[in-house]
Amino acid sequence: MRSGFWQVMRRGAALLSAGFCVSALAAPQVDTLRLPPGFRVEVLTDQVPNARGMTLGDFADGRGVVYVGSRNAGKVYGVEIDKGRAKRVHTLASGLEQPVGVAYRDGSLFVSAVSRIVALDGIGRRLDKPPVPRELNVRFPTETHHGWKFIAFGPDGWLYVPVGAPCNICEPDERRYANIQRLRPDGSGAEVVARGVRNTVGFDWNPVDGSLWFTDNGRDMLGDELPSDELNRVAKSGEHFGYPYCHQGDIADPEFGAKRACREFTPPVAKLGAHVAALGMRFYTGQMFPAAYRNSIFIAEHGSWNRSRKSGYRIVRVEVDKAGKALRQEVFAEGWLQVDAGGQEQVWGRPADVLVLPDGSLLISDDQAGAIYRVSYGGGS
C-alpha cells in the first residue's frame, strides 16, 4: 500500500511547516518490505508524525485504542482501531519534552517527558477533549542525551522507567544514571532494578517466567563492528550489565575497562549486531502467527547513524527456550533500507517499536515515515 502522490506532498508540507525534517523517501513504501511466506504487511495509518513507543488501551470485540508517543514531535497520539483498521488518530498532548514512552493502566495513560512522568486520566473517554496532564511526584535527570524514556507497567503493577547514560561513554553515578528503575503508579518508592545499562529504549516480560528482558544500545566510536547492541535478561533485581566498563559481555572499554573485569557483570543473552540501534521489543503472545513464533521476541532495529555502511532498519525475531536462553535470531521484516545496483543506500523508514494487538497481529511504529504498520498472517500454521 502506497500513499497517493498528492497526499504525500500535502503531508510533507504540513510536517515541514511544523518543523520536521522530511526526506524524499519518508512516505510508507510497504511494497519494498520483505517478510516470511504467509505474512502480510499494510499501513495501519501514516498520520502519526515521529511515531515511537506504543501501548494498548482498553480493547473489546476488536475495538480499542493504541497510544503512541513521539520524540522530536513532542506529541502523544491515540489511534482508534476497529478490527484491524485505523478509524481516527487523535492528538492527545503537545509540547512535551521527548515523550517517547507511553504506558496504560486503570484508565490512565502515563507518558515520559525526560525528567518527568505525566498521566492523562480517563483518557479512553476523553479522546476528543483530552485532560490536562497530571504530573507524578517523581523527578529524573534533566539531561536530554539518552534522556528519552520507554516506559511500561510490569506484572507486579509497578511502572518501569529507564534512565540512560548522559553521554556516549562516561562513568556516571549509577544510582541516578545508566539504570532501569521501577516506581509505584503514584510516583513513590522509586528503586533501581538493573544497573550498567547504557540506553534501553525497549523492554518486556517473559510470559513463561515473568523475567524482565531489555535491549541496550552499545557505545559509539569503537569502529563499525564493535560493540554489539545487546539483548539482556534480569534474573534478579540489582544486577549490573557492564556499562561503562564492559561491552557486549566480553569487550573491555578502552577508557574504563581497567577498573572492573567483564566477568563481574551479567553478560547479554544475545548479541544483536553493532550499531543496529535495537529499540522496542515485545514477546509474541498472540495466536495469529504460527505456533513456532509464540513466546519469541520481536525487536525493532532503528538503524545505524554513523556506521560507514548502514546496519539495522529491520525487525528481528529471537527464539527463546523455556530456560530463558536465546536459541537463534533471524530477520523477520526488512526493506526500510534500500541499496541500489551502484551500492547507494536510501532509507525511507526506521522501525522504532513493536506491539502485539489482541487479535494477534503485530504493529510496527516508524518515526521517520510517521506511520504504523500492521503485520498479519494468513498462511497455514
Protein backbone atom coordinates (compact mmCIF):
# COMPACT_ATOMS: atom_id res chain seq x y z
CA MET A 1 0.00 0.00 0.00
CA ARG A 2 1.45 3.36 -1.02
CA SER A 3 0.02 6.81 -0.29
CA GLY A 4 -1.02 8.84 -3.30
CA PHE A 5 1.44 11.44 -4.61
CA TRP A 6 -0.55 14.50 -3.66
CA GLN A 7 -1.45 13.11 -0.25
CA VAL A 8 2.25 12.58 0.42
CA MET A 9 3.13 16.07 -0.80
CA ARG A 10 0.46 17.72 1.37
CA ARG A 11 1.54 15.69 4.41
CA GLY A 12 5.21 16.53 3.82
CA ALA A 13 4.44 20.25 3.54
CA ALA A 14 2.47 20.12 6.79
CA LEU A 15 5.33 18.40 8.61
CA LEU A 16 7.87 20.86 7.27
CA SER A 17 5.76 23.78 8.43
CA ALA A 18 5.67 22.18 11.89
CA GLY A 19 9.46 22.00 11.99
CA PHE A 20 10.02 18.36 10.99
CA CYS A 21 12.68 17.21 8.55
CA VAL A 22 11.06 15.02 5.89
CA SER A 23 13.25 13.15 3.42
CA ALA A 24 12.23 12.45 -0.15
CA LEU A 25 11.67 8.82 0.82
CA ALA A 26 9.67 9.48 4.01
CA ALA A 27 6.34 8.10 2.72
CA PRO A 28 5.46 4.49 3.64
CA GLN A 29 6.52 2.14 0.84
CA VAL A 30 5.47 -1.25 2.15
CA ASP A 31 5.76 -2.85 -1.28
CA THR A 32 9.53 -2.91 -0.64
CA LEU A 33 9.19 -4.82 2.66
CA ARG A 34 10.10 -8.49 2.79
CA LEU A 35 8.60 -10.94 5.32
CA PRO A 36 8.40 -14.75 5.61
CA PRO A 37 5.85 -16.56 3.42
CA GLY A 38 2.26 -16.25 4.62
CA PHE A 39 2.74 -12.85 6.29
CA ARG A 40 1.22 -9.61 5.02
CA VAL A 41 2.12 -6.02 5.95
CA GLU A 42 -0.04 -2.94 5.42
CA VAL A 43 -0.11 0.67 6.56
CA LEU A 44 -2.44 0.99 9.54
CA THR A 45 -2.02 4.78 9.48
CA ASP A 46 0.50 7.32 8.22
CA GLN A 47 -0.89 10.15 10.35
CA VAL A 48 1.34 9.77 13.42
CA PRO A 49 4.35 12.08 12.91
CA ASN A 50 7.54 10.74 14.54
CA ALA A 51 5.74 7.66 15.97
CA ARG A 52 7.77 5.91 18.68
CA GLY A 53 6.66 3.91 21.73
CA MET A 54 3.25 2.21 21.70
CA THR A 55 0.90 0.76 24.31
CA LEU A 56 -2.54 -0.84 24.32
CA GLY A 57 -5.55 0.86 25.85
CA ASP A 58 -8.82 -0.91 26.57
CA PHE A 59 -9.92 -3.34 23.83
CA ALA A 60 -13.20 -5.22 23.38
CA ASP A 61 -14.56 -7.06 20.33
CA GLY A 62 -11.63 -5.89 18.20
CA ARG A 63 -12.18 -2.23 19.04
CA GLY A 64 -9.90 -0.08 21.14
CA VAL A 65 -7.13 2.48 21.22
CA VAL A 66 -3.38 2.22 20.67
CA TYR A 67 -1.50 5.09 22.31
CA VAL A 68 1.67 6.32 20.62
CA GLY A 69 4.48 8.57 21.84
CA SER A 70 6.98 10.58 19.82
CA ARG A 71 10.38 12.14 20.32
CA ASN A 72 11.02 15.21 18.17
CA ALA A 73 7.30 15.87 17.61
CA GLY A 74 6.67 16.32 21.35
CA LYS A 75 3.19 14.82 20.93
CA VAL A 76 1.15 11.87 22.13
CA TYR A 77 -1.44 10.22 19.89
CA GLY A 78 -4.41 7.93 20.27
CA VAL A 79 -5.18 5.68 17.30
CA GLU A 80 -8.72 4.29 17.33
CA ILE A 81 -8.75 0.77 15.90
CA ASP A 82 -11.73 -1.25 14.73
CA LYS A 83 -11.00 -4.86 13.75
CA GLY A 84 -7.52 -4.20 12.46
CA ARG A 85 -8.28 -0.87 10.78
CA ALA A 86 -7.47 2.64 11.99
CA LYS A 87 -10.60 4.77 12.24
CA ARG A 88 -9.15 8.02 13.55
CA VAL A 89 -5.96 9.50 15.01
CA HIS A 90 -6.25 11.92 17.94
CA THR A 91 -3.53 14.26 19.21
CA LEU A 92 -3.80 13.91 22.99
CA ALA A 93 -0.92 16.10 24.17
CA SER A 94 1.56 18.53 22.62
CA GLY A 95 4.64 20.45 23.68
CA LEU A 96 6.08 17.69 25.86
CA GLU A 97 9.83 17.08 26.02
CA GLN A 98 10.64 13.90 24.06
CA PRO A 99 7.53 11.93 25.14
CA VAL A 100 8.78 8.63 23.70
CA GLY A 101 7.26 6.33 26.32
CA VAL A 102 3.59 5.58 26.94
CA ALA A 103 2.05 3.10 29.39
CA TYR A 104 -1.64 2.47 30.12
CA ARG A 105 -3.16 1.34 33.42
CA ASP A 106 -6.61 1.59 35.04
CA GLY A 107 -7.92 4.19 32.59
CA SER A 108 -4.86 6.48 32.75
CA LEU A 109 -2.15 6.99 30.15
CA PHE A 110 1.31 7.56 31.62
CA VAL A 111 3.79 9.48 29.45
CA SER A 112 7.53 10.02 29.86
CA ALA A 113 8.95 13.53 29.36
CA VAL A 114 12.69 13.28 30.14
CA SER A 115 12.75 14.44 33.80
CA ARG A 116 9.00 13.98 34.38
CA ILE A 117 6.23 11.42 34.15
CA VAL A 118 2.73 12.75 33.50
CA ALA A 119 -0.63 10.99 33.37
CA LEU A 120 -3.73 11.62 31.28
CA ASP A 121 -6.58 10.33 33.44
CA GLY A 122 -9.74 8.82 31.98
CA ILE A 123 -8.23 9.21 28.53
CA GLY A 124 -10.29 6.50 26.83
CA ARG A 125 -13.47 8.52 27.36
CA ARG A 126 -11.83 11.85 26.51
CA LEU A 127 -10.07 11.36 23.18
CA ASP A 128 -11.78 14.37 21.64
CA LYS A 129 -11.12 16.60 24.65
CA PRO A 130 -8.04 15.26 26.46
CA PRO A 131 -7.47 16.12 30.12
CA VAL A 132 -4.69 18.36 31.37
CA PRO A 133 -1.67 16.13 32.15
CA ARG A 134 -1.24 15.29 35.82
CA GLU A 135 2.38 15.23 36.96
CA LEU A 136 3.62 12.36 39.13
CA ASN A 137 5.61 13.19 42.24
CA VAL A 138 8.94 11.95 40.88
CA ARG A 139 11.96 13.57 39.24
CA PHE A 140 14.58 12.18 36.89
CA PRO A 141 17.74 13.84 35.50
CA THR A 142 17.18 16.69 33.05
CA GLU A 143 19.89 15.74 30.52
CA THR A 144 18.45 15.05 27.07
CA HIS A 145 21.38 12.89 25.94
CA HIS A 146 19.71 9.47 26.21
CA GLY A 147 17.07 11.27 28.26
CA TRP A 148 14.07 9.96 26.32
CA LYS A 149 12.41 7.01 28.03
CA PHE A 150 10.46 3.93 27.01
CA ILE A 151 8.17 3.07 29.93
CA ALA A 152 5.92 0.11 30.76
CA PHE A 153 4.00 -1.43 33.64
CA GLY A 154 5.35 -4.75 34.84
CA PRO A 155 3.38 -7.79 36.04
CA ASP A 156 3.96 -6.51 39.58
CA GLY A 157 1.92 -3.35 38.86
CA TRP A 158 4.95 -1.04 39.13
CA LEU A 159 5.95 1.42 36.42
CA TYR A 160 9.41 0.67 34.97
CA VAL A 161 11.45 3.68 33.82
CA PRO A 162 14.99 3.63 32.36
CA VAL A 163 17.50 6.44 32.86
CA GLY A 164 20.17 6.42 30.14
CA ALA A 165 23.80 7.46 30.42
CA PRO A 166 24.13 11.24 29.82
CA CYS A 167 26.96 10.65 27.33
CA ASN A 168 28.40 8.23 24.80
CA ILE A 169 30.88 6.86 27.32
CA CYS A 170 31.45 8.15 30.86
CA GLU A 171 31.29 6.92 34.44
CA PRO A 172 28.10 8.45 35.84
CA ASP A 173 26.54 7.98 39.27
CA GLU A 174 24.90 4.57 38.79
CA ARG A 175 22.24 5.41 41.35
CA ARG A 176 20.95 8.14 39.01
CA TYR A 177 22.02 7.12 35.50
CA ALA A 178 22.54 4.07 33.29
CA ASN A 179 19.91 2.01 35.04
CA ILE A 180 16.31 0.78 34.98
CA GLN A 181 14.13 1.85 37.88
CA ARG A 182 10.64 0.98 39.00
CA LEU A 183 8.12 3.07 40.94
CA ARG A 184 4.55 2.87 42.12
CA PRO A 185 1.87 4.40 39.87
CA ASP A 186 1.74 7.49 42.11
CA GLY A 187 5.48 8.08 41.63
CA SER A 188 6.59 6.90 45.05
CA GLY A 189 9.02 4.17 46.08
CA ALA A 190 11.49 4.50 43.19
CA GLU A 191 14.20 1.81 43.26
CA VAL A 192 16.86 0.54 40.85
CA VAL A 193 16.28 -2.94 39.39
CA ALA A 194 19.14 -3.07 36.82
CA ARG A 195 22.45 -1.20 36.63
CA GLY A 196 25.12 -0.76 33.98
CA VAL A 197 22.53 -0.16 31.25
CA ARG A 198 23.77 2.42 28.75
CA ASN A 199 20.48 3.18 26.99
CA THR A 200 17.49 0.88 26.78
CA VAL A 201 14.51 2.01 24.70
CA GLY A 202 12.57 -1.24 24.90
CA PHE A 203 11.77 -3.98 27.41
CA ASP A 204 9.16 -6.63 28.13
CA TRP A 205 8.46 -9.53 30.49
CA ASN A 206 8.78 -13.17 29.52
CA PRO A 207 5.27 -14.69 29.64
CA VAL A 208 6.73 -18.04 30.77
CA ASP A 209 8.67 -16.99 33.89
CA GLY A 210 7.91 -13.27 34.30
CA SER A 211 11.55 -12.18 33.95
CA LEU A 212 12.40 -8.72 32.60
CA TRP A 213 14.21 -8.60 29.23
CA PHE A 214 15.56 -5.45 27.59
CA THR A 215 17.53 -4.17 24.62
CA ASP A 216 20.58 -1.97 25.21
CA ASN A 217 22.40 0.23 22.72
CA GLY A 218 26.18 -0.22 22.60
CA ARG A 219 28.59 2.71 22.75
CA ASP A 220 29.80 4.60 19.67
CA MET A 221 33.29 5.43 18.32
CA LEU A 222 34.88 1.96 18.54
CA GLY A 223 34.60 1.35 14.80
CA ASP A 224 32.00 -0.20 12.53
CA GLU A 225 31.94 -3.66 14.08
CA LEU A 226 32.11 -3.02 17.83
CA PRO A 227 30.42 -3.21 20.20
CA SER A 228 27.23 -5.13 19.60
CA ASP A 229 23.85 -3.98 20.82
CA GLU A 230 22.55 -6.34 23.48
CA LEU A 231 19.51 -8.36 24.46
CA ASN A 232 19.59 -8.80 28.24
CA ARG A 233 17.65 -10.70 30.89
CA VAL A 234 17.29 -9.64 34.53
CA ALA A 235 17.45 -12.77 36.67
CA LYS A 236 17.50 -10.89 39.98
CA SER A 237 16.97 -7.28 40.97
CA GLY A 238 20.06 -5.09 41.06
CA GLU A 239 22.18 -6.97 38.50
CA HIS A 240 24.90 -4.99 36.71
CA PHE A 241 25.18 -5.32 32.91
CA GLY A 242 28.61 -3.79 32.42
CA TYR A 243 28.40 -0.18 31.26
CA PRO A 244 30.78 1.67 31.09
CA TYR A 245 33.43 -0.95 31.93
CA CYS A 246 32.47 -3.83 29.67
CA HIS A 247 30.52 -4.02 26.38
CA GLN A 248 28.64 -6.98 24.85
CA GLY A 249 29.82 -9.12 27.76
CA ASP A 250 33.40 -9.59 26.57
CA ILE A 251 34.89 -6.27 25.34
CA ALA A 252 36.68 -4.12 27.92
CA ASP A 253 36.15 -0.41 27.37
CA PRO A 254 39.43 1.28 26.33
CA GLU A 255 38.91 4.11 28.83
CA PHE A 256 37.16 2.47 31.80
CA GLY A 257 37.72 -1.27 31.30
CA ALA A 258 40.82 -1.45 33.50
CA LYS A 259 38.72 -0.58 36.56
CA ARG A 260 36.49 -3.67 36.50
CA ALA A 261 36.63 -7.01 34.66
CA CYS A 262 33.91 -8.28 32.32
CA ARG A 263 33.48 -11.40 34.49
CA GLU A 264 31.97 -9.20 37.22
CA PHE A 265 28.90 -8.42 35.13
CA THR A 266 25.87 -10.19 33.70
CA PRO A 267 26.54 -10.95 30.01
CA PRO A 268 23.88 -10.43 27.33
CA VAL A 269 21.54 -13.23 26.35
CA ALA A 270 22.21 -12.37 22.71
CA LYS A 271 24.39 -10.03 20.67
CA LEU A 272 22.25 -8.17 18.13
CA GLY A 273 24.94 -6.54 15.98
CA ALA A 274 26.96 -3.35 16.07
CA HIS A 275 25.11 -0.05 15.75
CA VAL A 276 21.78 -1.60 14.72
CA ALA A 277 20.05 0.62 17.35
CA ALA A 278 17.82 -2.06 18.86
CA LEU A 279 14.85 -0.23 20.38
CA GLY A 280 11.36 -1.58 21.06
CA MET A 281 10.90 -5.29 21.80
CA ARG A 282 7.95 -7.49 22.69
CA PHE A 283 7.38 -11.16 23.38
CA TYR A 284 4.86 -12.54 20.92
CA THR A 285 1.87 -13.69 22.98
CA GLY A 286 -0.73 -13.79 20.20
CA GLN A 287 -2.40 -16.72 18.45
CA MET A 288 -2.49 -15.48 14.84
CA PHE A 289 1.10 -16.33 13.89
CA PRO A 290 2.32 -19.95 13.57
CA ALA A 291 3.00 -21.83 16.80
CA ALA A 292 6.77 -21.56 16.30
CA TYR A 293 6.54 -17.79 16.82
CA ARG A 294 4.83 -17.88 20.22
CA ASN A 295 6.85 -16.51 23.12
CA SER A 296 9.67 -15.47 20.79
CA ILE A 297 10.85 -11.83 20.81
CA PHE A 298 10.35 -9.26 18.07
CA ILE A 299 12.87 -6.40 18.13
CA ALA A 300 12.72 -3.13 16.18
CA GLU A 301 16.17 -2.14 14.91
CA HIS A 302 16.02 1.59 14.29
CA GLY A 303 19.23 1.59 12.25
CA SER A 304 22.75 2.97 12.50
CA TRP A 305 23.51 6.68 12.31
CA ASN A 306 27.30 6.79 11.87
CA ARG A 307 28.37 3.41 10.51
CA SER A 308 30.20 3.57 7.14
CA ARG A 309 27.70 1.00 5.77
CA LYS A 310 24.29 1.17 7.39
CA SER A 311 23.02 -1.67 9.59
CA GLY A 312 19.65 -2.39 11.18
CA TYR A 313 16.48 -0.81 9.72
CA ARG A 314 14.55 -4.05 10.19
CA ILE A 315 12.59 -6.29 12.57
CA VAL A 316 14.43 -9.26 14.07
CA ARG A 317 12.91 -12.30 15.77
CA VAL A 318 14.78 -14.04 18.60
CA GLU A 319 13.70 -17.56 19.51
CA VAL A 320 13.79 -18.19 23.27
CA ASP A 321 13.58 -21.51 25.11
CA LYS A 322 11.76 -22.22 28.36
CA ALA A 323 15.01 -21.95 30.32
CA GLY A 324 15.44 -18.31 29.30
CA LYS A 325 18.11 -18.82 26.66
CA ALA A 326 18.15 -17.20 23.22
CA LEU A 327 18.41 -20.07 20.75
CA ARG A 328 18.74 -18.16 17.50
CA GLN A 329 17.81 -14.92 15.77
CA GLU A 330 16.56 -14.23 12.28
CA VAL A 331 15.41 -11.28 10.20
CA PHE A 332 11.61 -11.10 10.22
CA ALA A 333 10.95 -7.92 8.21
CA GLU A 334 13.33 -5.80 6.17
CA GLY A 335 13.28 -3.33 3.29
CA TRP A 336 13.24 0.06 5.01
CA LEU A 337 16.87 0.30 3.88
CA GLN A 338 17.28 0.07 0.09
CA VAL A 339 20.62 -0.43 -1.68
CA ASP A 340 20.70 0.14 -5.45
CA ALA A 341 22.90 -1.60 -8.03
CA GLY A 342 25.59 1.02 -7.52
CA GLY A 343 25.72 0.47 -3.77
CA GLN A 344 23.90 3.70 -2.90
CA GLU A 345 21.90 3.46 0.32
CA GLN A 346 18.48 5.02 0.77
CA VAL A 347 16.39 4.88 3.92
CA TRP A 348 12.66 5.51 3.75
CA GLY A 349 11.72 4.32 7.24
CA ARG A 350 13.10 3.49 10.69
CA PRO A 351 11.29 0.92 12.89
CA ALA A 352 11.03 2.16 16.48
CA ASP A 353 8.69 -0.14 18.42
CA VAL A 354 6.57 -3.27 18.08
CA LEU A 355 3.28 -4.17 19.76
CA VAL A 356 1.02 -7.24 19.67
CA LEU A 357 -2.67 -6.46 19.15
CA PRO A 358 -5.33 -8.61 20.86
CA ASP A 359 -6.14 -10.22 17.50
CA GLY A 360 -2.54 -11.50 17.30
CA SER A 361 -1.32 -9.16 14.58
CA LEU A 362 1.89 -7.18 15.11
CA LEU A 363 2.16 -3.38 14.93
CA ILE A 364 5.41 -1.63 13.97
CA SER A 365 5.92 2.09 14.52
CA ASP A 366 8.15 4.10 12.15
CA ASP A 367 9.28 7.51 13.34
CA GLN A 368 10.77 8.58 10.00
CA ALA A 369 7.69 7.85 7.88
CA GLY A 370 5.27 8.83 10.68
CA ALA A 371 3.47 5.55 10.23
CA ILE A 372 2.29 2.41 11.97
CA TYR A 373 2.26 -0.86 10.04
CA ARG A 374 0.17 -3.94 10.80
CA VAL A 375 1.60 -7.40 10.12
CA SER A 376 -0.90 -10.27 9.86
CA TYR A 377 -0.64 -13.92 8.95
CA GLY A 378 -2.83 -15.77 6.50
CA GLY A 379 -0.86 -18.90 5.68
CA GLY A 380 -1.05 -22.35 7.17
CA SER A 381 0.33 -22.93 10.67
